[in-house]
Amino acid sequence: CGIGRKTGGIWHAFTSSLPVAEELVDMGFKIGVGPIL
């Protein structure tokens, strides 16, 4: 749907790998950083 580059968004409670995070950022998303850290 390409929504990341159209409206943006946040991947809530991110716990995945750095490559996944980098792809999400490239798609237009922010990374939600919370108490998991």
PDB file of all heavy atoms in Angstrom:
ATOM      1  N   CYS A   1       0.803  -1.227   0.000  1.00  0.00           N
ATOM      2  CA  CYS A   1       0.000   0.000   0.000  1.00  0.00           C
ATOM      3  C   CYS A   1       0.834   1.273   0.000  1.00  0.00           C
ATOM      4  O   CYS A   1       0.347   2.345  -0.347  1.00  0.00           O
ATOM      5  CB  CYS A   1      -0.964   0.006   1.188  1.00  0.00           C
ATOM      6  SG  CYS A   1      -0.166   0.293   2.781  1.00  0.00           S
ATOM      7  N   GLY A   2       2.101   1.172   0.393  1.00  0.00           N
ATOM      8  CA  GLY A   2       3.006   2.323   0.359  1.00  0.00           C
ATOM      9  C   GLY A   2       2.632   3.450   1.294  1.00  0.00           C
ATOM     10  O   GLY A   2       2.996   4.608   1.079  1.00  0.00           O
ATOM     11  N   ILE A   3       1.936   3.132   2.377  1.00  0.00           N
ATOM     12  CA  ILE A   3       1.441   4.177   3.263  1.00  0.00           C
ATOM     13  C   ILE A   3       2.554   4.931   3.995  1.00  0.00           C
ATOM     14  O   ILE A   3       2.403   6.105   4.339  1.00  0.00           O
ATOM     15  CB  ILE A   3       0.434   3.595   4.287  1.00  0.00           C
ATOM     16  CG1 ILE A   3      -0.342   4.726   4.973  1.00  0.00           C
ATOM     17  CG2 ILE A   3       1.144   2.692   5.301  1.00  0.00           C
ATOM     18  CD1 ILE A   3      -1.525   4.248   5.785  1.00  0.00           C
ATOM     19  N   GLY A   4       3.685   4.266   4.223  1.00  0.00           N
ATOM     20  CA  GLY A   4       4.767   4.903   4.958  1.00  0.00           C
ATOM     21  C   GLY A   4       5.225   6.202   4.327  1.00  0.00           C
ATOM     22  O   GLY A   4       5.442   7.204   5.009  1.00  0.00           O
ATOM     23  N   ARG A   5       5.361   6.195   3.008  1.00  0.00           N
ATOM     24  CA  ARG A   5       5.832   7.396   2.308  1.00  0.00           C
ATOM     25  C   ARG A   5       4.712   8.388   2.036  1.00  0.00           C
ATOM     26  O   ARG A   5       4.976   9.533   1.647  1.00  0.00           O
ATOM     27  CB  ARG A   5       6.508   7.003   0.997  1.00  0.00           C
ATOM     28  CG  ARG A   5       7.799   6.221   1.210  1.00  0.00           C
ATOM     29  CD  ARG A   5       8.736   6.343   0.021  1.00  0.00           C
ATOM     30  NE  ARG A   5      10.044   5.812   0.345  1.00  0.00           N
ATOM     31  CZ  ARG A   5      10.994   6.484   0.973  1.00  0.00           C
ATOM     32  NH1 ARG A   5      10.763   7.723   1.363  1.00  0.00           N
ATOM     33  NH2 ARG A   5      12.165   5.935   1.224  1.00  0.00           N
ATOM     34  N   LYS A   6       3.479   7.959   2.223  1.00  0.00           N
ATOM     35  CA  LYS A   6       2.340   8.843   1.967  1.00  0.00           C
ATOM     36  C   LYS A   6       1.880   9.582   3.228  1.00  0.00           C
ATOM     37  O   LYS A   6       1.647  10.788   3.196  1.00  0.00           O
ATOM     38  CB  LYS A   6       1.184   8.036   1.373  1.00  0.00           C
ATOM     39  CG  LYS A   6       1.525   7.439   0.012  1.00  0.00           C
ATOM     40  CD  LYS A   6       0.430   6.505  -0.479  1.00  0.00           C
ATOM     41  CE  LYS A   6       0.804   5.872  -1.814  1.00  0.00           C
ATOM     42  NZ  LYS A   6      -0.212   4.882  -2.277  1.00  0.00           N
ATOM     43  N   THR A   7       1.736   8.853   4.312  1.00  0.00           N
ATOM     44  CA  THR A   7       1.262   9.493   5.553  1.00  0.00           C
ATOM     45  C   THR A   7       2.252   9.331   6.705  1.00  0.00           C
ATOM     46  O   THR A   7       2.195  10.064   7.677  1.00  0.00           O
ATOM     47  CB  THR A   7      -0.086   8.905   6.005  1.00  0.00           C
ATOM     48  OG1 THR A   7       0.112   7.557   6.464  1.00  0.00           O
ATOM     49  CG2 THR A   7      -1.091   8.900   4.871  1.00  0.00           C
ATOM     50  N   GLY A   8       3.147   8.329   6.608  1.00  0.00           N
ATOM     51  CA  GLY A   8       4.064   8.049   7.709  1.00  0.00           C
ATOM     52  C   GLY A   8       3.408   7.193   8.774  1.00  0.00           C
ATOM     53  O   GLY A   8       2.206   6.886   8.713  1.00  0.00           O
ATOM     54  N   GLY A   9       4.185   6.794   9.753  1.00  0.00           N
ATOM     55  CA  GLY A   9       3.659   5.976  10.831  1.00  0.00           C
ATOM     56  C   GLY A   9       4.752   5.544  11.775  1.00  0.00           C
ATOM     57  O   GLY A   9       5.920   5.919  11.620  1.00  0.00           O
ATOM     58  N   ILE A  10       4.359   4.762  12.770  1.00  0.00           N
ATOM     59  CA  ILE A  10       5.286   4.252  13.785  1.00  0.00           C
ATOM     60  C   ILE A  10       5.109   2.747  13.898  1.00  0.00           C
ATOM     61  O   ILE A  10       3.983   2.253  13.985  1.00  0.00           O
ATOM     62  CB  ILE A  10       5.018   4.894  15.162  1.00  0.00           C
ATOM     63  CG1 ILE A  10       5.249   6.409  15.104  1.00  0.00           C
ATOM     64  CG2 ILE A  10       5.913   4.259  16.237  1.00  0.00           C
ATOM     65  CD1 ILE A  10       4.829   7.123  16.380  1.00  0.00           C
ATOM     66  N   TRP A  11       6.230   2.031  13.881  1.00  0.00           N
ATOM     67  CA  TRP A  11       6.198   0.600  14.213  1.00  0.00           C
ATOM     68  C   TRP A  11       6.327   0.524  15.728  1.00  0.00           C
ATOM     69  O   TRP A  11       7.401   0.690  16.287  1.00  0.00           O
ATOM     70  CB  TRP A  11       7.320  -0.143  13.513  1.00  0.00           C
ATOM     71  CG  TRP A  11       7.220  -1.645  13.625  1.00  0.00           C
ATOM     72  CD1 TRP A  11       7.472  -2.397  14.739  1.00  0.00           C
ATOM     73  CD2 TRP A  11       6.860  -2.574  12.580  1.00  0.00           C
ATOM     74  NE1 TRP A  11       7.301  -3.724  14.465  1.00  0.00           N
ATOM     75  CE2 TRP A  11       6.911  -3.872  13.144  1.00  0.00           C
ATOM     76  CE3 TRP A  11       6.503  -2.439  11.244  1.00  0.00           C
ATOM     77  CZ2 TRP A  11       6.632  -5.027  12.405  1.00  0.00           C
ATOM     78  CZ3 TRP A  11       6.226  -3.584  10.513  1.00  0.00           C
ATOM     79  CH2 TRP A  11       6.277  -4.851  11.089  1.00  0.00           C
ATOM     80  N   HIS A  12       5.196   0.286  16.350  1.00  0.00           N
ATOM     81  CA  HIS A  12       5.102   0.295  17.813  1.00  0.00           C
ATOM     82  C   HIS A  12       5.849  -0.883  18.438  1.00  0.00           C
ATOM     83  O   HIS A  12       5.849  -1.996  17.907  1.00  0.00           O
ATOM     84  CB  HIS A  12       3.612   0.273  18.171  1.00  0.00           C
ATOM     85  CG  HIS A  12       3.279  -0.290  19.508  1.00  0.00           C
ATOM     86  ND1 HIS A  12       3.721   0.264  20.685  1.00  0.00           N
ATOM     87  CD2 HIS A  12       2.520  -1.366  19.856  1.00  0.00           C
ATOM     88  CE1 HIS A  12       3.253  -0.442  21.702  1.00  0.00           C
ATOM     89  NE2 HIS A  12       2.533  -1.432  21.228  1.00  0.00           N
ATOM     90  N   ALA A  13       6.502  -0.634  19.580  1.00  0.00           N
ATOM     91  CA  ALA A  13       7.173  -1.678  20.375  1.00  0.00           C
ATOM     92  C   ALA A  13       8.124  -2.502  19.527  1.00  0.00           C
ATOM     93  O   ALA A  13       8.104  -3.738  19.555  1.00  0.00           O
ATOM     94  CB  ALA A  13       6.140  -2.573  21.053  1.00  0.00           C
ATOM     95  N   PHE A  14       8.996  -1.828  18.812  1.00  0.00           N
ATOM     96  CA  PHE A  14       9.914  -2.515  17.909  1.00  0.00           C
ATOM     97  C   PHE A  14      10.872  -3.428  18.679  1.00  0.00           C
ATOM     98  O   PHE A  14      11.469  -3.037  19.676  1.00  0.00           O
ATOM     99  CB  PHE A  14      10.728  -1.496  17.108  1.00  0.00           C
ATOM    100  CG  PHE A  14      11.629  -2.121  16.092  1.00  0.00           C
ATOM    101  CD1 PHE A  14      11.134  -2.484  14.854  1.00  0.00           C
ATOM    102  CD2 PHE A  14      12.970  -2.369  16.379  1.00  0.00           C
ATOM    103  CE1 PHE A  14      11.961  -3.085  13.908  1.00  0.00           C
ATOM    104  CE2 PHE A  14      13.797  -2.956  15.447  1.00  0.00           C
ATOM    105  CZ  PHE A  14      13.295  -3.323  14.204  1.00  0.00           C
ATOM    106  N   THR A  15      11.026  -4.662  18.179  1.00  0.00           N
ATOM    107  CA  THR A  15      11.949  -5.622  18.798  1.00  0.00           C
ATOM    108  C   THR A  15      12.719  -6.411  17.750  1.00  0.00           C
ATOM    109  O   THR A  15      13.450  -7.344  18.093  1.00  0.00           O
ATOM    110  CB  THR A  15      11.203  -6.625  19.704  1.00  0.00           C
ATOM    111  OG1 THR A  15      10.221  -7.327  18.932  1.00  0.00           O
ATOM    112  CG2 THR A  15      10.539  -5.931  20.878  1.00  0.00           C
ATOM    113  N   SER A  16      12.569  -6.075  16.490  1.00  0.00           N
ATOM    114  CA  SER A  16      13.170  -6.873  15.428  1.00  0.00           C
ATOM    115  C   SER A  16      14.614  -6.444  15.163  1.00  0.00           C
ATOM    116  O   SER A  16      15.211  -5.704  15.932  1.00  0.00           O
ATOM    117  CB  SER A  16      12.316  -6.769  14.161  1.00  0.00           C
ATOM    118  OG  SER A  16      12.645  -7.785  13.246  1.00  0.00           O
ATOM    119  N   SER A  17      15.161  -6.907  14.046  1.00  0.00           N
ATOM    120  CA  SER A  17      16.573  -6.699  13.736  1.00  0.00           C
ATOM    121  C   SER A  17      16.836  -5.328  13.134  1.00  0.00           C
ATOM    122  O   SER A  17      15.921  -4.637  12.673  1.00  0.00           O
ATOM    123  CB  SER A  17      17.045  -7.773  12.754  1.00  0.00           C
ATOM    124  OG  SER A  17      16.382  -7.625  11.508  1.00  0.00           O
ATOM    125  N   LEU A  18      18.107  -4.956  13.091  1.00  0.00           N
ATOM    126  CA  LEU A  18      18.502  -3.687  12.499  1.00  0.00           C
ATOM    127  C   LEU A  18      18.136  -3.616  11.014  1.00  0.00           C
ATOM    128  O   LEU A  18      17.620  -2.581  10.570  1.00  0.00           O
ATOM    129  CB  LEU A  18      20.000  -3.453  12.696  1.00  0.00           C
ATOM    130  CG  LEU A  18      20.577  -2.188  12.052  1.00  0.00           C
ATOM    131  CD1 LEU A  18      19.877  -0.948  12.577  1.00  0.00           C
ATOM    132  CD2 LEU A  18      22.087  -2.105  12.300  1.00  0.00           C
ATOM    133  N   PRO A  19      18.353  -4.674  10.215  1.00  0.00           N
ATOM    134  CA  PRO A  19      17.936  -4.597   8.805  1.00  0.00           C
ATOM    135  C   PRO A  19      16.439  -4.309   8.636  1.00  0.00           C
ATOM    136  O   PRO A  19      16.046  -3.559   7.736  1.00  0.00           O
ATOM    137  CB  PRO A  19      18.310  -5.977   8.249  1.00  0.00           C
ATOM    138  CG  PRO A  19      19.453  -6.414   9.096  1.00  0.00           C
ATOM    139  CD  PRO A  19      19.137  -5.906  10.471  1.00  0.00           C
ATOM    140  N   VAL A  20      15.597  -4.903   9.484  1.00  0.00           N
ATOM    141  CA  VAL A  20      14.159  -4.634   9.420  1.00  0.00           C
ATOM    142  C   VAL A  20      13.893  -3.168   9.772  1.00  0.00           C
ATOM    143  O   VAL A  20      13.095  -2.494   9.102  1.00  0.00           O
ATOM    144  CB  VAL A  20      13.376  -5.560  10.367  1.00  0.00           C
ATOM    145  CG1 VAL A  20      11.917  -5.111  10.480  1.00  0.00           C
ATOM    146  CG2 VAL A  20      13.432  -6.998   9.874  1.00  0.00           C
ATOM    147  N   ALA A  21      14.554  -2.682  10.809  1.00  0.00           N
ATOM    148  CA  ALA A  21      14.386  -1.277  11.198  1.00  0.00           C
ATOM    149  C   ALA A  21      14.800  -0.354  10.070  1.00  0.00           C
ATOM    150  O   ALA A  21      14.115   0.640   9.777  1.00  0.00           O
ATOM    151  CB  ALA A  21      15.206  -0.984  12.458  1.00  0.00           C
ATOM    152  N   GLU A  22      15.893  -0.660   9.425  1.00  0.00           N
ATOM    153  CA  GLU A  22      16.379   0.181   8.325  1.00  0.00           C
ATOM    154  C   GLU A  22      15.401   0.174   7.157  1.00  0.00           C
ATOM    155  O   GLU A  22      15.179   1.213   6.518  1.00  0.00           O
ATOM    156  CB  GLU A  22      17.759  -0.302   7.886  1.00  0.00           C
ATOM    157  CG  GLU A  22      18.846  -0.038   8.927  1.00  0.00           C
ATOM    158  CD  GLU A  22      20.177  -0.665   8.568  1.00  0.00           C
ATOM    159  OE1 GLU A  22      20.187  -1.678   7.833  1.00  0.00           O
ATOM    160  OE2 GLU A  22      21.220  -0.148   9.029  1.00  0.00           O
ATOM    161  N   GLU A  23      14.812  -0.984   6.867  1.00  0.00           N
ATOM    162  CA  GLU A  23      13.812  -1.035   5.792  1.00  0.00           C
ATOM    163  C   GLU A  23      12.587  -0.207   6.151  1.00  0.00           C
ATOM    164  O   GLU A  23      12.041   0.512   5.310  1.00  0.00           O
ATOM    165  CB  GLU A  23      13.402  -2.472   5.492  1.00  0.00           C
ATOM    166  CG  GLU A  23      12.361  -2.544   4.377  1.00  0.00           C
ATOM    167  CD  GLU A  23      11.966  -3.954   3.980  1.00  0.00           C
ATOM    168  OE1 GLU A  23      12.462  -4.909   4.598  1.00  0.00           O
ATOM    169  OE2 GLU A  23      11.154  -4.090   3.047  1.00  0.00           O
ATOM    170  N   LEU A  24      12.135  -0.320   7.411  1.00  0.00           N
ATOM    171  CA  LEU A  24      10.982   0.463   7.848  1.00  0.00           C
ATOM    172  C   LEU A  24      11.247   1.961   7.711  1.00  0.00           C
ATOM    173  O   LEU A  24      10.388   2.713   7.241  1.00  0.00           O
ATOM    174  CB  LEU A  24      10.632   0.120   9.295  1.00  0.00           C
ATOM    175  CG  LEU A  24       9.911  -1.204   9.509  1.00  0.00           C
ATOM    176  CD1 LEU A  24       9.899  -1.574  10.988  1.00  0.00           C
ATOM    177  CD2 LEU A  24       8.477  -1.132   8.977  1.00  0.00           C
ATOM    178  N   VAL A  25      12.422   2.379   8.110  1.00  0.00           N
ATOM    179  CA  VAL A  25      12.774   3.798   8.009  1.00  0.00           C
ATOM    180  C   VAL A  25      12.799   4.221   6.544  1.00  0.00           C
ATOM    181  O   VAL A  25      12.307   5.295   6.180  1.00  0.00           O
ATOM    182  CB  VAL A  25      14.138   4.069   8.683  1.00  0.00           C
ATOM    183  CG1 VAL A  25      14.597   5.497   8.412  1.00  0.00           C
ATOM    184  CG2 VAL A  25      14.034   3.821  10.183  1.00  0.00           C
ATOM    185  N   ASP A  26      13.334   3.360   5.688  1.00  0.00           N
ATOM    186  CA  ASP A  26      13.369   3.650   4.261  1.00  0.00           C
ATOM    187  C   ASP A  26      11.961   3.730   3.677  1.00  0.00           C
ATOM    188  O   ASP A  26      11.704   4.471   2.726  1.00  0.00           O
ATOM    189  CB  ASP A  26      14.170   2.571   3.529  1.00  0.00           C
ATOM    190  CG  ASP A  26      14.382   2.913   2.059  1.00  0.00           C
ATOM    191  OD1 ASP A  26      14.971   3.972   1.775  1.00  0.00           O
ATOM    192  OD2 ASP A  26      13.937   2.131   1.195  1.00  0.00           O
ATOM    193  N   MET A  27      11.015   2.986   4.287  1.00  0.00           N
ATOM    194  CA  MET A  27       9.622   2.997   3.845  1.00  0.00           C
ATOM    195  C   MET A  27       8.856   4.199   4.381  1.00  0.00           C
ATOM    196  O   MET A  27       7.706   4.431   3.991  1.00  0.00           O
ATOM    197  CB  MET A  27       8.924   1.709   4.301  1.00  0.00           C
ATOM    198  CG  MET A  27       9.415   0.451   3.600  1.00  0.00           C
ATOM    199  SD  MET A  27       8.801  -1.068   4.402  1.00  0.00           S
ATOM    200  CE  MET A  27       7.025  -0.898   4.172  1.00  0.00           C
ATOM    201  N   GLY A  28       9.464   4.956   5.290  1.00  0.00           N
ATOM    202  CA  GLY A  28       8.827   6.153   5.813  1.00  0.00           C
ATOM    203  C   GLY A  28       8.305   6.047   7.227  1.00  0.00           C
ATOM    204  O   GLY A  28       7.586   6.936   7.702  1.00  0.00           O
ATOM    205  N   PHE A  29       8.681   4.972   7.945  1.00  0.00           N
ATOM    206  CA  PHE A  29       8.185   4.761   9.306  1.00  0.00           C
ATOM    207  C   PHE A  29       9.201   5.200  10.355  1.00  0.00           C
ATOM    208  O   PHE A  29      10.410   5.196  10.125  1.00  0.00           O
ATOM    209  CB  PHE A  29       7.838   3.287   9.530  1.00  0.00           C
ATOM    210  CG  PHE A  29       6.564   2.858   8.870  1.00  0.00           C
ATOM    211  CD1 PHE A  29       6.566   2.398   7.562  1.00  0.00           C
ATOM    212  CD2 PHE A  29       5.348   2.959   9.539  1.00  0.00           C
ATOM    213  CE1 PHE A  29       5.394   2.020   6.935  1.00  0.00           C
ATOM    214  CE2 PHE A  29       4.164   2.589   8.923  1.00  0.00           C
ATOM    215  CZ  PHE A  29       4.188   2.116   7.611  1.00  0.00           C
ATOM    216  N   LYS A  30       8.677   5.563  11.525  1.00  0.00           N
ATOM    217  CA  LYS A  30       9.484   5.795  12.709  1.00  0.00           C
ATOM    218  C   LYS A  30       9.510   4.515  13.543  1.00  0.00           C
ATOM    219  O   LYS A  30       8.612   3.678  13.437  1.00  0.00           O
ATOM    220  CB  LYS A  30       8.902   6.928  13.567  1.00  0.00           C
ATOM    221  CG  LYS A  30       8.626   8.219  12.826  1.00  0.00           C
ATOM    222  CD  LYS A  30       9.883   8.889  12.347  1.00  0.00           C
ATOM    223  CE  LYS A  30       9.553  10.240  11.700  1.00  0.00           C
ATOM    224  NZ  LYS A  30      10.753  10.848  11.062  1.00  0.00           N
ATOM    225  N   ILE A  31      10.514   4.397  14.379  1.00  0.00           N
ATOM    226  CA  ILE A  31      10.660   3.243  15.257  1.00  0.00           C
ATOM    227  C   ILE A  31      10.256   3.638  16.676  1.00  0.00           C
ATOM    228  O   ILE A  31      10.849   4.543  17.271  1.00  0.00           O
ATOM    229  CB  ILE A  31      12.112   2.710  15.250  1.00  0.00           C
ATOM    230  CG1 ILE A  31      12.533   2.351  13.821  1.00  0.00           C
ATOM    231  CG2 ILE A  31      12.244   1.525  16.186  1.00  0.00           C
ATOM    232  CD1 ILE A  31      11.683   1.291  13.160  1.00  0.00           C
ATOM    233  N   GLY A  32       9.225   2.962  17.211  1.00  0.00           N
ATOM    234  CA  GLY A  32       8.769   3.243  18.564  1.00  0.00           C
ATOM    235  C   GLY A  32       9.664   2.568  19.593  1.00  0.00           C
ATOM    236  O   GLY A  32       9.752   1.342  19.634  1.00  0.00           O
ATOM    237  N   VAL A  33      10.321   3.380  20.417  1.00  0.00           N
ATOM    238  CA  VAL A  33      11.257   2.869  21.423  1.00  0.00           C
ATOM    239  C   VAL A  33      10.632   3.040  22.805  1.00  0.00           C
ATOM    240  O   VAL A  33      10.319   4.159  23.216  1.00  0.00           O
ATOM    241  CB  VAL A  33      12.609   3.609  21.361  1.00  0.00           C
ATOM    242  CG1 VAL A  33      13.589   2.997  22.360  1.00  0.00           C
ATOM    243  CG2 VAL A  33      13.179   3.578  19.952  1.00  0.00           C
ATOM    244  N   GLY A  34      10.451   1.928  23.505  1.00  0.00           N
ATOM    245  CA  GLY A  34       9.807   1.966  24.807  1.00  0.00           C
ATOM    246  C   GLY A  34      10.564   1.210  25.868  1.00  0.00           C
ATOM    247  O   GLY A  34      11.780   0.976  25.743  1.00  0.00           O
ATOM    248  N   PRO A  35       9.870   0.808  26.934  1.00  0.00           N
ATOM    249  CA  PRO A  35      10.509   0.144  28.076  1.00  0.00           C
ATOM    250  C   PRO A  35      11.239  -1.153  27.752  1.00  0.00           C
ATOM    251  O   PRO A  35      12.042  -1.613  28.569  1.00  0.00           O
ATOM    252  CB  PRO A  35       9.325  -0.119  29.020  1.00  0.00           C
ATOM    253  CG  PRO A  35       8.341   0.947  28.688  1.00  0.00           C
ATOM    254  CD  PRO A  35       8.453   1.108  27.206  1.00  0.00           C
ATOM    255  N   ILE A  36      10.978  -1.749  26.588  1.00  0.00           N
ATOM    256  CA  ILE A  36      11.745  -2.935  26.188  1.00  0.00           C
ATOM    257  C   ILE A  36      13.231  -2.623  26.187  1.00  0.00           C
ATOM    258  O   ILE A  36      14.066  -3.476  26.502  1.00  0.00           O
ATOM    259  CB  ILE A  36      11.293  -3.426  24.795  1.00  0.00           C
ATOM    260  CG1 ILE A  36       9.863  -3.961  24.855  1.00  0.00           C
ATOM    261  CG2 ILE A  36      12.234  -4.499  24.250  1.00  0.00           C
ATOM    262  CD1 ILE A  36       9.271  -4.312  23.506  1.00  0.00           C
ATOM    263  N   LEU A  37      13.571  -1.379  25.868  1.00  0.00           N
ATOM    264  CA  LEU A  37      14.975  -0.964  25.824  1.00  0.00           C
ATOM    265  C   LEU A  37      15.646  -1.072  27.183  1.00  0.00           C
ATOM    266  O   LEU A  37      16.872  -1.218  27.274  1.00  0.00           O
ATOM    267  CB  LEU A  37      15.070   0.479  25.318  1.00  0.00           C
ATOM    268  CG  LEU A  37      16.473   1.016  25.039  1.00  0.00           C
ATOM    269  CD1 LEU A  37      17.115   0.289  23.871  1.00  0.00           C
ATOM    270  CD2 LEU A  37      16.417   2.522  24.759  1.00  0.00           C
TER     271      LEU A  37
END
